[in-house]
Amino acid sequence: MGSTFEIVCEIEPPTRPDIRHVRHQIGVLSPVAHAFLIPDNRIGRATVSSIAVAHEVTAMGGRGIACLNSRDRNLLGFQRDMLTAAAYGVHEFLFVHGDKPSAGTRSPT
């Protein structure tokens, strides 16, 4: 029984509405990567949607995996993201919960 080894590269989504840097990352890493994982609001900074970036990966001929952090979404936000993913043809996801917030005021869950 053979196994397949794959390299998944994480790429950094932009914090501004300019995806040239994303395209550069995809172009440079495509020769060695089997897929690209796009994080969701990493280190608490707003970025272009991981779904939109995964769509860009696919448009450039790659395999994009959108990460979605449930801690940062309510049900309506999650439904919106799933509709967006369906519209963009994004089919692979990594769903994470994230660490329990330890600082700041938050609404109860």
PDB file of N, CA and C in Angstrom:
ATOM      1  N   MET A   1       0.851  -1.179   0.000  1.00  0.00           N
ATOM      2  CA  MET A   1       0.000   0.000   0.000  1.00  0.00           C
ATOM      3  C   MET A   1       0.891   1.234   0.000  1.00  0.00           C
ATOM      4  N   GLY A   2       0.827   2.031  -1.044  1.00  0.00           N
ATOM      5  CA  GLY A   2       1.667   3.217  -1.161  1.00  0.00           C
ATOM      6  C   GLY A   2       1.015   4.435  -0.542  1.00  0.00           C
ATOM      7  N   SER A   3       1.838   5.322  -0.085  1.00  0.00           N
ATOM      8  CA  SER A   3       1.319   6.570   0.459  1.00  0.00           C
ATOM      9  C   SER A   3       1.838   7.732  -0.378  1.00  0.00           C
ATOM     10  N   THR A   4       1.102   8.800  -0.375  1.00  0.00           N
ATOM     11  CA  THR A   4       1.474   9.981  -1.133  1.00  0.00           C
ATOM     12  C   THR A   4       1.922  11.068  -0.173  1.00  0.00           C
ATOM     13  N   PHE A   5       3.070  11.609  -0.453  1.00  0.00           N
ATOM     14  CA  PHE A   5       3.605  12.714   0.340  1.00  0.00           C
ATOM     15  C   PHE A   5       3.284  14.001  -0.396  1.00  0.00           C
ATOM     16  N   GLU A   6       2.674  14.950   0.272  1.00  0.00           N
ATOM     17  CA  GLU A   6       2.332  16.227  -0.341  1.00  0.00           C
ATOM     18  C   GLU A   6       2.889  17.371   0.478  1.00  0.00           C
ATOM     19  N   ILE A   7       3.279  18.411  -0.215  1.00  0.00           N
ATOM     20  CA  ILE A   7       3.749  19.628   0.428  1.00  0.00           C
ATOM     21  C   ILE A   7       2.636  20.666   0.338  1.00  0.00           C
ATOM     22  N   VAL A   8       2.216  21.146   1.504  1.00  0.00           N
ATOM     23  CA  VAL A   8       1.210  22.196   1.585  1.00  0.00           C
ATOM     24  C   VAL A   8       1.913  23.439   2.116  1.00  0.00           C
ATOM     25  N   CYS A   9       1.908  24.487   1.326  1.00  0.00           N
ATOM     26  CA  CYS A   9       2.560  25.745   1.728  1.00  0.00           C
ATOM     27  C   CYS A   9       1.507  26.743   2.197  1.00  0.00           C
ATOM     28  N   GLU A  10       1.789  27.378   3.315  1.00  0.00           N
ATOM     29  CA  GLU A  10       0.911  28.437   3.798  1.00  0.00           C
ATOM     30  C   GLU A  10       1.342  29.732   3.142  1.00  0.00           C
ATOM     31  N   ILE A  11       0.367  30.454   2.602  1.00  0.00           N
ATOM     32  CA  ILE A  11       0.683  31.754   2.010  1.00  0.00           C
ATOM     33  C   ILE A  11      -0.022  32.841   2.801  1.00  0.00           C
ATOM     34  N   GLU A  12       0.566  33.993   2.781  1.00  0.00           N
ATOM     35  CA  GLU A  12       0.080  35.101   3.592  1.00  0.00           C
ATOM     36  C   GLU A  12      -0.927  35.937   2.815  1.00  0.00           C
ATOM     37  N   PRO A  13      -2.188  36.000   3.285  1.00  0.00           N
ATOM     38  CA  PRO A  13      -3.154  36.859   2.603  1.00  0.00           C
ATOM     39  C   PRO A  13      -2.841  38.333   2.872  1.00  0.00           C
ATOM     40  N   PRO A  14      -3.143  39.183   1.919  1.00  0.00           N
ATOM     41  CA  PRO A  14      -2.806  40.599   2.085  1.00  0.00           C
ATOM     42  C   PRO A  14      -3.698  41.316   3.095  1.00  0.00           C
ATOM     43  N   THR A  15      -3.131  42.365   3.684  1.00  0.00           N
ATOM     44  CA  THR A  15      -3.891  43.210   4.609  1.00  0.00           C
ATOM     45  C   THR A  15      -4.460  44.432   3.897  1.00  0.00           C
ATOM     46  N   ARG A  16      -4.223  44.510   2.593  1.00  0.00           N
ATOM     47  CA  ARG A  16      -4.764  45.596   1.756  1.00  0.00           C
ATOM     48  C   ARG A  16      -5.413  44.971   0.528  1.00  0.00           C
ATOM     49  N   PRO A  17      -6.250  45.707  -0.183  1.00  0.00           N
ATOM     50  CA  PRO A  17      -6.933  45.130  -1.341  1.00  0.00           C
ATOM     51  C   PRO A  17      -6.044  45.050  -2.594  1.00  0.00           C
ATOM     52  N   ASP A  18      -4.860  44.499  -2.436  1.00  0.00           N
ATOM     53  CA  ASP A  18      -3.911  44.328  -3.537  1.00  0.00           C
ATOM     54  C   ASP A  18      -3.361  42.907  -3.440  1.00  0.00           C
ATOM     55  N   ILE A  19      -3.647  42.065  -4.440  1.00  0.00           N
ATOM     56  CA  ILE A  19      -3.268  40.658  -4.343  1.00  0.00           C
ATOM     57  C   ILE A  19      -2.020  40.313  -5.150  1.00  0.00           C
ATOM     58  N   ARG A  20      -1.260  41.311  -5.564  1.00  0.00           N
ATOM     59  CA  ARG A  20      -0.025  41.024  -6.310  1.00  0.00           C
ATOM     60  C   ARG A  20       0.945  40.177  -5.491  1.00  0.00           C
ATOM     61  N   HIS A  21       1.062  40.456  -4.204  1.00  0.00           N
ATOM     62  CA  HIS A  21       1.975  39.692  -3.349  1.00  0.00           C
ATOM     63  C   HIS A  21       1.532  38.226  -3.264  1.00  0.00           C
ATOM     64  N   VAL A  22       0.214  38.000  -3.202  1.00  0.00           N
ATOM     65  CA  VAL A  22      -0.319  36.637  -3.179  1.00  0.00           C
ATOM     66  C   VAL A  22       0.048  35.924  -4.474  1.00  0.00           C
ATOM     67  N   ARG A  23      -0.165  36.584  -5.577  1.00  0.00           N
ATOM     68  CA  ARG A  23       0.171  35.981  -6.877  1.00  0.00           C
ATOM     69  C   ARG A  23       1.659  35.651  -6.956  1.00  0.00           C
ATOM     70  N   HIS A  24       2.489  36.517  -6.413  1.00  0.00           N
ATOM     71  CA  HIS A  24       3.931  36.265  -6.406  1.00  0.00           C
ATOM     72  C   HIS A  24       4.253  35.017  -5.574  1.00  0.00           C
ATOM     73  N   GLN A  25       3.658  34.915  -4.379  1.00  0.00           N
ATOM     74  CA  GLN A  25       3.880  33.742  -3.526  1.00  0.00           C
ATOM     75  C   GLN A  25       3.467  32.458  -4.243  1.00  0.00           C
ATOM     76  N   ILE A  26       2.302  32.481  -4.881  1.00  0.00           N
ATOM     77  CA  ILE A  26       1.809  31.307  -5.598  1.00  0.00           C
ATOM     78  C   ILE A  26       2.762  30.943  -6.734  1.00  0.00           C
ATOM     79  N   GLY A  27       3.182  31.940  -7.493  1.00  0.00           N
ATOM     80  CA  GLY A  27       4.082  31.687  -8.610  1.00  0.00           C
ATOM     81  C   GLY A  27       5.420  31.114  -8.188  1.00  0.00           C
ATOM     82  N   VAL A  28       5.981  31.626  -7.111  1.00  0.00           N
ATOM     83  CA  VAL A  28       7.286  31.157  -6.630  1.00  0.00           C
ATOM     84  C   VAL A  28       7.194  29.746  -6.043  1.00  0.00           C
ATOM     85  N   LEU A  29       6.118  29.460  -5.302  1.00  0.00           N
ATOM     86  CA  LEU A  29       6.001  28.186  -4.598  1.00  0.00           C
ATOM     87  C   LEU A  29       5.345  27.069  -5.415  1.00  0.00           C
ATOM     88  N   SER A  30       4.690  27.403  -6.514  1.00  0.00           N
ATOM     89  CA  SER A  30       3.988  26.394  -7.320  1.00  0.00           C
ATOM     90  C   SER A  30       4.855  25.217  -7.760  1.00  0.00           C
ATOM     91  N   PRO A  31       6.112  25.432  -8.113  1.00  0.00           N
ATOM     92  CA  PRO A  31       6.906  24.278  -8.540  1.00  0.00           C
ATOM     93  C   PRO A  31       7.117  23.215  -7.453  1.00  0.00           C
ATOM     94  N   VAL A  32       6.999  23.586  -6.176  1.00  0.00           N
ATOM     95  CA  VAL A  32       7.250  22.615  -5.104  1.00  0.00           C
ATOM     96  C   VAL A  32       6.012  22.286  -4.266  1.00  0.00           C
ATOM     97  N   ALA A  33       4.974  23.081  -4.360  1.00  0.00           N
ATOM     98  CA  ALA A  33       3.796  22.888  -3.511  1.00  0.00           C
ATOM     99  C   ALA A  33       2.713  22.104  -4.238  1.00  0.00           C
ATOM    100  N   HIS A  34       2.088  21.191  -3.502  1.00  0.00           N
ATOM    101  CA  HIS A  34       0.937  20.469  -4.028  1.00  0.00           C
ATOM    102  C   HIS A  34      -0.353  21.237  -3.753  1.00  0.00           C
ATOM    103  N   ALA A  35      -0.328  22.044  -2.713  1.00  0.00           N
ATOM    104  CA  ALA A  35      -1.499  22.827  -2.325  1.00  0.00           C
ATOM    105  C   ALA A  35      -1.047  24.026  -1.508  1.00  0.00           C
ATOM    106  N   PHE A  36      -1.954  24.981  -1.367  1.00  0.00           N
ATOM    107  CA  PHE A  36      -1.687  26.192  -0.595  1.00  0.00           C
ATOM    108  C   PHE A  36      -2.757  26.348   0.472  1.00  0.00           C
ATOM    109  N   LEU A  37      -2.322  26.534   1.715  1.00  0.00           N
ATOM    110  CA  LEU A  37      -3.225  26.781   2.836  1.00  0.00           C
ATOM    111  C   LEU A  37      -3.241  28.283   3.079  1.00  0.00           C
ATOM    112  N   ILE A  38      -4.439  28.833   3.140  1.00  0.00           N
ATOM    113  CA  ILE A  38      -4.573  30.269   3.357  1.00  0.00           C
ATOM    114  C   ILE A  38      -5.179  30.482   4.739  1.00  0.00           C
ATOM    115  N   PRO A  39      -4.415  31.078   5.673  1.00  0.00           N
ATOM    116  CA  PRO A  39      -4.923  31.274   7.037  1.00  0.00           C
ATOM    117  C   PRO A  39      -6.019  32.324   7.088  1.00  0.00           C
ATOM    118  N   ASP A  40      -6.739  32.315   8.183  1.00  0.00           N
ATOM    119  CA  ASP A  40      -7.877  33.201   8.394  1.00  0.00           C
ATOM    120  C   ASP A  40      -7.586  34.114   9.574  1.00  0.00           C
ATOM    121  N   ASN A  41      -7.424  35.395   9.305  1.00  0.00           N
ATOM    122  CA  ASN A  41      -7.180  36.383  10.358  1.00  0.00           C
ATOM    123  C   ASN A  41      -6.041  35.984  11.281  1.00  0.00           C
ATOM    124  N   ARG A  42      -4.945  35.570  10.681  1.00  0.00           N
ATOM    125  CA  ARG A  42      -3.795  35.160  11.488  1.00  0.00           C
ATOM    126  C   ARG A  42      -3.311  36.325  12.327  1.00  0.00           C
ATOM    127  N   ILE A  43      -2.818  36.065  13.445  1.00  0.00           N
ATOM    128  CA  ILE A  43      -2.345  37.021  14.457  1.00  0.00           C
ATOM    129  C   ILE A  43      -3.296  38.195  14.672  1.00  0.00           C
ATOM    130  N   GLY A  44      -4.589  37.945  14.481  1.00  0.00           N
ATOM    131  CA  GLY A  44      -5.593  38.952  14.804  1.00  0.00           C
ATOM    132  C   GLY A  44      -5.609  40.170  13.901  1.00  0.00           C
ATOM    133  N   ARG A  45      -5.098  40.056  12.684  1.00  0.00           N
ATOM    134  CA  ARG A  45      -5.118  41.186  11.747  1.00  0.00           C
ATOM    135  C   ARG A  45      -6.122  40.901  10.644  1.00  0.00           C
ATOM    136  N   ALA A  46      -6.894  41.893  10.282  1.00  0.00           N
ATOM    137  CA  ALA A  46      -7.843  41.735   9.185  1.00  0.00           C
ATOM    138  C   ALA A  46      -7.078  41.571   7.877  1.00  0.00           C
ATOM    139  N   THR A  47      -7.491  40.588   7.087  1.00  0.00           N
ATOM    140  CA  THR A  47      -6.862  40.322   5.794  1.00  0.00           C
ATOM    141  C   THR A  47      -7.941  40.056   4.760  1.00  0.00           C
ATOM    142  N   VAL A  48      -7.523  39.986   3.509  1.00  0.00           N
ATOM    143  CA  VAL A  48      -8.422  39.554   2.447  1.00  0.00           C
ATOM    144  C   VAL A  48      -8.901  38.148   2.813  1.00  0.00           C
ATOM    145  N   SER A  49     -10.133  37.850   2.539  1.00  0.00           N
ATOM    146  CA  SER A  49     -10.732  36.563   2.887  1.00  0.00           C
ATOM    147  C   SER A  49      -9.906  35.386   2.393  1.00  0.00           C
ATOM    148  N   SER A  50      -9.764  34.377   3.258  1.00  0.00           N
ATOM    149  CA  SER A  50      -9.049  33.167   2.855  1.00  0.00           C
ATOM    150  C   SER A  50      -9.759  32.491   1.683  1.00  0.00           C
ATOM    151  N   ILE A  51     -11.068  32.658   1.594  1.00  0.00           N
ATOM    152  CA  ILE A  51     -11.823  32.074   0.477  1.00  0.00           C
ATOM    153  C   ILE A  51     -11.469  32.780  -0.823  1.00  0.00           C
ATOM    154  N   ALA A  52     -11.380  34.104  -0.790  1.00  0.00           N
ATOM    155  CA  ALA A  52     -11.008  34.853  -1.990  1.00  0.00           C
ATOM    156  C   ALA A  52      -9.600  34.498  -2.445  1.00  0.00           C
ATOM    157  N   VAL A  53      -8.686  34.326  -1.496  1.00  0.00           N
ATOM    158  CA  VAL A  53      -7.307  33.970  -1.846  1.00  0.00           C
ATOM    159  C   VAL A  53      -7.255  32.535  -2.382  1.00  0.00           C
ATOM    160  N   ALA A  54      -8.031  31.620  -1.795  1.00  0.00           N
ATOM    161  CA  ALA A  54      -8.087  30.244  -2.306  1.00  0.00           C
ATOM    162  C   ALA A  54      -8.613  30.234  -3.737  1.00  0.00           C
ATOM    163  N   HIS A  55      -9.555  31.101  -4.015  1.00  0.00           N
ATOM    164  CA  HIS A  55     -10.065  31.238  -5.384  1.00  0.00           C
ATOM    165  C   HIS A  55      -8.954  31.713  -6.328  1.00  0.00           C
ATOM    166  N   GLU A  56      -8.148  32.631  -5.870  1.00  0.00           N
ATOM    167  CA  GLU A  56      -7.023  33.131  -6.676  1.00  0.00           C
ATOM    168  C   GLU A  56      -6.017  32.007  -6.940  1.00  0.00           C
ATOM    169  N   VAL A  57      -5.753  31.188  -5.936  1.00  0.00           N
ATOM    170  CA  VAL A  57      -4.857  30.034  -6.109  1.00  0.00           C
ATOM    171  C   VAL A  57      -5.389  29.132  -7.221  1.00  0.00           C
ATOM    172  N   THR A  58      -6.682  28.833  -7.168  1.00  0.00           N
ATOM    173  CA  THR A  58      -7.299  27.982  -8.174  1.00  0.00           C
ATOM    174  C   THR A  58      -7.218  28.618  -9.554  1.00  0.00           C
ATOM    175  N   ALA A  59      -7.457  29.918  -9.627  1.00  0.00           N
ATOM    176  CA  ALA A  59      -7.383  30.629 -10.908  1.00  0.00           C
ATOM    177  C   ALA A  59      -5.985  30.561 -11.521  1.00  0.00           C
ATOM    178  N   MET A  60      -4.971  30.418 -10.653  1.00  0.00           N
ATOM    179  CA  MET A  60      -3.594  30.323 -11.146  1.00  0.00           C
ATOM    180  C   MET A  60      -3.160  28.870 -11.338  1.00  0.00           C
ATOM    181  N   GLY A  61      -4.121  27.931 -11.251  1.00  0.00           N
ATOM    182  CA  GLY A  61      -3.821  26.538 -11.517  1.00  0.00           C
ATOM    183  C   GLY A  61      -3.401  25.720 -10.320  1.00  0.00           C
ATOM    184  N   GLY A  62      -3.503  26.282  -9.118  1.00  0.00           N
ATOM    185  CA  GLY A  62      -3.113  25.561  -7.905  1.00  0.00           C
ATOM    186  C   GLY A  62      -4.316  25.006  -7.167  1.00  0.00           C
ATOM    187  N   ARG A  63      -4.036  24.388  -6.038  1.00  0.00           N
ATOM    188  CA  ARG A  63      -5.065  23.828  -5.151  1.00  0.00           C
ATOM    189  C   ARG A  63      -5.071  24.644  -3.874  1.00  0.00           C
ATOM    190  N   GLY A  64      -6.150  25.374  -3.641  1.00  0.00           N
ATOM    191  CA  GLY A  64      -6.245  26.242  -2.475  1.00  0.00           C
ATOM    192  C   GLY A  64      -7.083  25.632  -1.373  1.00  0.00           C
ATOM    193  N   ILE A  65      -6.596  25.736  -0.150  1.00  0.00           N
ATOM    194  CA  ILE A  65      -7.314  25.263   1.030  1.00  0.00           C
ATOM    195  C   ILE A  65      -7.559  26.476   1.924  1.00  0.00           C
ATOM    196  N   ALA A  66      -8.821  26.849   2.064  1.00  0.00           N
ATOM    197  CA  ALA A  66      -9.175  28.010   2.875  1.00  0.00           C
ATOM    198  C   ALA A  66      -9.336  27.600   4.330  1.00  0.00           C
ATOM    199  N   CYS A  67      -8.660  28.299   5.207  1.00  0.00           N
ATOM    200  CA  CYS A  67      -8.799  28.069   6.644  1.00  0.00           C
ATOM    201  C   CYS A  67      -9.885  29.011   7.158  1.00  0.00           C
ATOM    202  N   LEU A  68     -10.801  28.482   7.955  1.00  0.00           N
ATOM    203  CA  LEU A  68     -11.845  29.295   8.565  1.00  0.00           C
ATOM    204  C   LEU A  68     -11.815  29.065  10.067  1.00  0.00           C
ATOM    205  N   ASN A  69     -11.739  30.162  10.813  1.00  0.00           N
ATOM    206  CA  ASN A  69     -11.686  30.098  12.266  1.00  0.00           C
ATOM    207  C   ASN A  69     -13.077  30.339  12.816  1.00  0.00           C
ATOM    208  N   SER A  70     -13.667  29.319  13.434  1.00  0.00           N
ATOM    209  CA  SER A  70     -15.027  29.446  13.946  1.00  0.00           C
ATOM    210  C   SER A  70     -15.125  30.452  15.087  1.00  0.00           C
ATOM    211  N   ARG A  71     -14.024  30.689  15.777  1.00  0.00           N
ATOM    212  CA  ARG A  71     -14.045  31.648  16.882  1.00  0.00           C
ATOM    213  C   ARG A  71     -14.401  33.050  16.396  1.00  0.00           C
ATOM    214  N   ASP A  72     -14.073  33.354  15.141  1.00  0.00           N
ATOM    215  CA  ASP A  72     -14.286  34.700  14.610  1.00  0.00           C
ATOM    216  C   ASP A  72     -15.592  34.848  13.834  1.00  0.00           C
ATOM    217  N   ARG A  73     -16.495  33.862  13.923  1.00  0.00           N
ATOM    218  CA  ARG A  73     -17.715  33.886  13.130  1.00  0.00           C
ATOM    219  C   ARG A  73     -18.936  33.523  13.958  1.00  0.00           C
ATOM    220  N   ASN A  74     -20.055  34.112  13.570  1.00  0.00           N
ATOM    221  CA  ASN A  74     -21.333  33.646  14.079  1.00  0.00           C
ATOM    222  C   ASN A  74     -21.963  32.797  12.968  1.00  0.00           C
ATOM    223  N   LEU A  75     -23.149  32.276  13.183  1.00  0.00           N
ATOM    224  CA  LEU A  75     -23.788  31.391  12.210  1.00  0.00           C
ATOM    225  C   LEU A  75     -24.005  32.094  10.865  1.00  0.00           C
ATOM    226  N   LEU A  76     -24.466  33.321  10.905  1.00  0.00           N
ATOM    227  CA  LEU A  76     -24.705  34.062   9.662  1.00  0.00           C
ATOM    228  C   LEU A  76     -23.394  34.279   8.900  1.00  0.00           C
ATOM    229  N   GLY A  77     -22.328  34.597   9.612  1.00  0.00           N
ATOM    230  CA  GLY A  77     -21.029  34.771   8.968  1.00  0.00           C
ATOM    231  C   GLY A  77     -20.529  33.487   8.336  1.00  0.00           C
ATOM    232  N   PHE A  78     -20.754  32.361   9.021  1.00  0.00           N
ATOM    233  CA  PHE A  78     -20.349  31.067   8.475  1.00  0.00           C
ATOM    234  C   PHE A  78     -21.159  30.733   7.221  1.00  0.00           C
ATOM    235  N   GLN A  79     -22.457  30.987   7.267  1.00  0.00           N
ATOM    236  CA  GLN A  79     -23.304  30.735   6.094  1.00  0.00           C
ATOM    237  C   GLN A  79     -22.868  31.614   4.922  1.00  0.00           C
ATOM    238  N   ARG A  80     -22.542  32.858   5.193  1.00  0.00           N
ATOM    239  CA  ARG A  80     -22.051  33.758   4.150  1.00  0.00           C
ATOM    240  C   ARG A  80     -20.771  33.210   3.527  1.00  0.00           C
ATOM    241  N   ASP A  81     -19.867  32.733   4.376  1.00  0.00           N
ATOM    242  CA  ASP A  81     -18.613  32.181   3.872  1.00  0.00           C
ATOM    243  C   ASP A  81     -18.837  30.946   3.008  1.00  0.00           C
ATOM    244  N   MET A  82     -19.776  30.092   3.387  1.00  0.00           N
ATOM    245  CA  MET A  82     -20.049  28.887   2.593  1.00  0.00           C
ATOM    246  C   MET A  82     -20.675  29.248   1.241  1.00  0.00           C
ATOM    247  N   LEU A  83     -21.540  30.257   1.221  1.00  0.00           N
ATOM    248  CA  LEU A  83     -22.109  30.718  -0.046  1.00  0.00           C
ATOM    249  C   LEU A  83     -21.034  31.319  -0.938  1.00  0.00           C
ATOM    250  N   THR A  84     -20.151  32.093  -0.344  1.00  0.00           N
ATOM    251  CA  THR A  84     -19.041  32.684  -1.102  1.00  0.00           C
ATOM    252  C   THR A  84     -18.149  31.592  -1.663  1.00  0.00           C
ATOM    253  N   ALA A  85     -17.834  30.602  -0.860  1.00  0.00           N
ATOM    254  CA  ALA A  85     -16.990  29.495  -1.315  1.00  0.00           C
ATOM    255  C   ALA A  85     -17.651  28.758  -2.480  1.00  0.00           C
ATOM    256  N   ALA A  86     -18.934  28.509  -2.378  1.00  0.00           N
ATOM    257  CA  ALA A  86     -19.640  27.830  -3.468  1.00  0.00           C
ATOM    258  C   ALA A  86     -19.619  28.667  -4.739  1.00  0.00           C
ATOM    259  N   ALA A  87     -19.802  29.977  -4.605  1.00  0.00           N
ATOM    260  CA  ALA A  87     -19.776  30.858  -5.769  1.00  0.00           C
ATOM    261  C   ALA A  87     -18.396  30.909  -6.412  1.00  0.00           C
ATOM    262  N   TYR A  88     -17.340  30.814  -5.601  1.00  0.00           N
ATOM    263  CA  TYR A  88     -15.961  30.878  -6.096  1.00  0.00           C
ATOM    264  C   TYR A  88     -15.388  29.509  -6.456  1.00  0.00           C
ATOM    265  N   GLY A  89     -16.129  28.431  -6.176  1.00  0.00           N
ATOM    266  CA  GLY A  89     -15.630  27.104  -6.494  1.00  0.00           C
ATOM    267  C   GLY A  89     -14.544  26.616  -5.554  1.00  0.00           C
ATOM    268  N   VAL A  90     -14.552  27.101  -4.316  1.00  0.00           N
ATOM    269  CA  VAL A  90     -13.586  26.656  -3.308  1.00  0.00           C
ATOM    270  C   VAL A  90     -14.202  25.463  -2.582  1.00  0.00           C
ATOM    271  N   HIS A  91     -13.492  24.309  -2.609  1.00  0.00           N
ATOM    272  CA  HIS A  91     -14.056  23.076  -2.074  1.00  0.00           C
ATOM    273  C   HIS A  91     -13.268  22.470  -0.920  1.00  0.00           C
ATOM    274  N   GLU A  92     -12.103  23.011  -0.605  1.00  0.00           N
ATOM    275  CA  GLU A  92     -11.296  22.434   0.470  1.00  0.00           C
ATOM    276  C   GLU A  92     -11.123  23.456   1.589  1.00  0.00           C
ATOM    277  N   PHE A  93     -11.324  22.973   2.826  1.00  0.00           N
ATOM    278  CA  PHE A  93     -11.277  23.842   3.991  1.00  0.00           C
ATOM    279  C   PHE A  93     -10.522  23.179   5.135  1.00  0.00           C
ATOM    280  N   LEU A  94      -9.968  24.013   5.973  1.00  0.00           N
ATOM    281  CA  LEU A  94      -9.457  23.598   7.270  1.00  0.00           C
ATOM    282  C   LEU A  94     -10.234  24.441   8.274  1.00  0.00           C
ATOM    283  N   PHE A  95     -11.066  23.786   9.080  1.00  0.00           N
ATOM    284  CA  PHE A  95     -11.848  24.491  10.083  1.00  0.00           C
ATOM    285  C   PHE A  95     -11.121  24.397  11.414  1.00  0.00           C
ATOM    286  N   VAL A  96     -10.907  25.537  12.037  1.00  0.00           N
ATOM    287  CA  VAL A  96     -10.217  25.582  13.319  1.00  0.00           C
ATOM    288  C   VAL A  96     -11.044  26.394  14.299  1.00  0.00           C
ATOM    289  N   HIS A  97     -10.771  26.181  15.571  1.00  0.00           N
ATOM    290  CA  HIS A  97     -11.470  26.938  16.611  1.00  0.00           C
ATOM    291  C   HIS A  97     -10.590  28.044  17.158  1.00  0.00           C
ATOM    292  N   GLY A  98      -9.317  27.796  17.242  1.00  0.00           N
ATOM    293  CA  GLY A  98      -8.411  28.790  17.798  1.00  0.00           C
ATOM    294  C   GLY A  98      -8.353  28.713  19.306  1.00  0.00           C
ATOM    295  N   ASP A  99      -7.433  29.440  19.858  1.00  0.00           N
ATOM    296  CA  ASP A  99      -7.278  29.477  21.312  1.00  0.00           C
ATOM    297  C   ASP A  99      -8.404  30.279  21.943  1.00  0.00           C
ATOM    298  N   LYS A 100      -8.717  29.947  23.161  1.00  0.00           N
ATOM    299  CA  LYS A 100      -9.717  30.723  23.902  1.00  0.00           C
ATOM    300  C   LYS A 100      -9.124  32.107  24.187  1.00  0.00           C
ATOM    301  N   PRO A 101      -9.846  33.148  23.796  1.00  0.00           N
ATOM    302  CA  PRO A 101      -9.332  34.498  24.041  1.00  0.00           C
ATOM    303  C   PRO A 101      -9.120  34.748  25.540  1.00  0.00           C
ATOM    304  N   SER A 102      -7.986  35.331  25.871  1.00  0.00           N
ATOM    305  CA  SER A 102      -7.696  35.568  27.285  1.00  0.00           C
ATOM    306  C   SER A 102      -7.652  37.054  27.636  1.00  0.00           C
ATOM    307  N   ALA A 103      -7.800  37.911  26.646  1.00  0.00           N
ATOM    308  CA  ALA A 103      -7.735  39.345  26.915  1.00  0.00           C
ATOM    309  C   ALA A 103      -8.855  40.053  26.166  1.00  0.00           C
ATOM    310  N   GLY A 104      -9.302  41.155  26.721  1.00  0.00           N
ATOM    311  CA  GLY A 104     -10.313  41.963  26.059  1.00  0.00           C
ATOM    312  C   GLY A 104     -11.728  41.557  26.409  1.00  0.00           C
ATOM    313  N   THR A 105     -12.652  42.441  26.110  1.00  0.00           N
ATOM    314  CA  THR A 105     -14.057  42.198  26.375  1.00  0.00           C
ATOM    315  C   THR A 105     -14.679  41.524  25.175  1.00  0.00           C
ATOM    316  N   ARG A 106     -15.389  40.438  25.414  1.00  0.00           N
ATOM    317  CA  ARG A 106     -16.054  39.710  24.340  1.00  0.00           C
ATOM    318  C   ARG A 106     -17.453  39.348  24.771  1.00  0.00           C
ATOM    319  N   SER A 107     -18.311  39.164  23.791  1.00  0.00           N
ATOM    320  CA  SER A 107     -19.670  38.743  24.139  1.00  0.00           C
ATOM    321  C   SER A 107     -19.651  37.274  24.528  1.00  0.00           C
ATOM    322  N   PRO A 108     -20.512  36.866  25.447  1.00  0.00           N
ATOM    323  CA  PRO A 108     -20.522  35.469  25.887  1.00  0.00           C
ATOM    324  C   PRO A 108     -20.956  34.549  24.761  1.00  0.00           C
ATOM    325  N   THR A 109     -20.435  33.309  24.783  1.00  0.00           N
ATOM    326  CA  THR A 109     -20.813  32.336  23.751  1.00  0.00           C
ATOM    327  C   THR A 109     -21.736  31.292  24.295  1.00  0.00           C
TER     328      THR A 109
END
